[in-house]
Protein backbone atom coordinates (compact mmCIF):
# COMPACT_ATOMS: atom_id res chain seq x y z
CA UNK A 1 55.18 107.17 67.33
CA UNK A 2 53.82 110.69 68.06
CA UNK A 3 55.92 113.09 70.03
CA UNK A 4 54.99 113.59 73.63
CA UNK A 5 54.88 117.25 74.55
CA UNK A 6 55.00 118.39 78.11
CA UNK A 7 53.32 121.64 79.00
CA UNK A 8 55.48 123.68 81.29
CA UNK A 9 53.73 126.01 83.69
CA UNK A 10 53.84 129.57 82.40
CA UNK A 11 55.44 132.07 84.71
CA UNK A 12 52.98 134.43 86.35
CA UNK A 13 52.64 137.73 84.55
CA UNK A 14 52.29 141.06 86.32
CA UNK A 15 48.71 141.26 85.07
CA UNK A 16 47.86 137.84 86.53
CA UNK A 17 49.48 138.77 89.84
CA UNK A 18 47.43 141.98 90.00
CA UNK A 19 44.26 140.03 89.17
CA UNK A 20 44.97 137.60 92.02
CA UNK A 21 45.57 140.52 94.39
CA UNK A 22 42.28 142.14 93.33
CA UNK A 23 40.37 138.89 93.81
CA UNK A 24 41.92 138.48 97.25
CA UNK A 25 40.21 141.62 98.53
CA UNK A 26 40.85 145.33 98.61
CA UNK A 27 44.35 146.30 97.57
CA UNK A 28 45.84 149.76 97.16
CA UNK A 29 47.81 150.98 94.17
CA UNK A 30 50.79 151.56 96.46
CA UNK A 31 50.68 147.90 97.58
CA UNK A 32 50.58 146.71 93.96
CA UNK A 33 53.47 149.01 93.01
CA UNK A 34 55.53 147.87 95.99
CA UNK A 35 54.92 144.15 95.46
CA UNK A 36 55.80 144.27 91.75
CA UNK A 37 58.54 146.92 92.07
CA UNK A 38 56.85 149.22 89.56
CA UNK A 39 55.66 152.82 89.57
CA UNK A 40 52.17 153.86 90.65
CA UNK A 41 51.15 154.83 87.08
CA UNK A 42 52.21 151.35 85.92
CA UNK A 43 50.09 149.83 88.71
CA UNK A 44 47.07 151.87 87.57
CA UNK A 45 47.71 150.64 84.03
CA UNK A 46 47.73 147.01 85.17
CA UNK A 47 44.43 147.53 87.00
CA UNK A 48 43.04 148.92 83.74
CA UNK A 49 44.37 145.90 81.82
CA UNK A 50 42.60 143.55 84.24
CA UNK A 51 39.42 145.60 83.88
CA UNK A 52 39.61 145.49 80.06
CA UNK A 53 39.98 141.71 80.20
CA UNK A 54 36.45 141.50 81.61
CA UNK A 55 36.82 141.67 85.38
CA UNK A 56 34.56 144.18 87.11
CA UNK A 57 36.55 146.32 89.53
CA UNK A 58 35.19 148.37 92.40
CA UNK A 59 37.00 150.95 94.47
CA UNK A 60 36.50 152.12 98.04
CA UNK A 61 38.28 154.80 100.02
CA UNK A 62 39.98 153.44 103.17
CA UNK A 63 42.56 155.14 105.35
CA UNK A 64 42.93 157.98 102.86
CA UNK A 65 43.82 155.65 99.97
CA UNK A 66 41.73 154.03 97.27
CA UNK A 67 41.48 150.23 97.57
CA UNK A 68 40.41 148.24 94.53
CA UNK A 69 38.89 144.77 94.37
CA UNK A 70 37.39 142.45 91.77
CA UNK A 71 33.65 141.99 92.18
CA UNK A 72 32.42 139.69 89.40
CA UNK A 73 32.93 138.71 85.80
CA UNK A 74 31.35 140.91 83.18
CA UNK A 75 29.10 139.46 80.52
CA UNK A 76 30.76 141.15 77.54
CA UNK A 77 29.01 139.14 74.83
CA UNK A 78 25.52 140.01 76.07
CA UNK A 79 26.46 143.67 76.39
CA UNK A 80 27.90 143.75 72.88
CA UNK A 81 24.81 142.05 71.49
CA UNK A 82 22.54 144.68 73.05
CA UNK A 83 24.78 147.50 71.90
CA UNK A 84 24.61 146.45 68.27
CA UNK A 85 20.96 145.38 68.25
CA UNK A 86 21.72 141.70 67.90
CA UNK A 87 18.99 140.32 70.06
CA UNK A 88 17.03 137.25 69.23
CA UNK A 89 17.75 135.73 65.82
CA UNK A 90 14.79 135.44 63.44
CA UNK A 91 14.80 132.61 60.93
CA UNK A 92 13.15 133.48 57.62
CA UNK A 93 12.70 130.98 54.84
CA UNK A 94 14.21 132.87 51.91
CA UNK A 95 12.61 130.54 49.40
CA UNK A 96 9.04 131.51 50.26
CA UNK A 97 7.35 134.37 48.35
CA UNK A 98 6.22 135.95 51.64
CA UNK A 99 9.82 136.38 52.80
CA UNK A 100 10.37 139.36 50.47
CA UNK A 101 7.08 141.10 51.20
């Protein structure tokens, strides 16, 4: 009889909390730092982590403070393909004499 494994819900990470806050609308670095009880540089770092994970972030100035929000998912695979010249794949029959010409 196979073992039955139960998947426990993972606790929310600081990065996931910041991502939720960004998706909820404009949020300031001070608000992130206050909610998570971290420093402002750590809050900026978490915003960068969310950005590096593929979420596009935009910033607007409101009330003398920058407010960041998530706008849309980035298409990282398509961007990487264009960057390295990997466009459309071409199939060549290597067995034909014309393939080497």
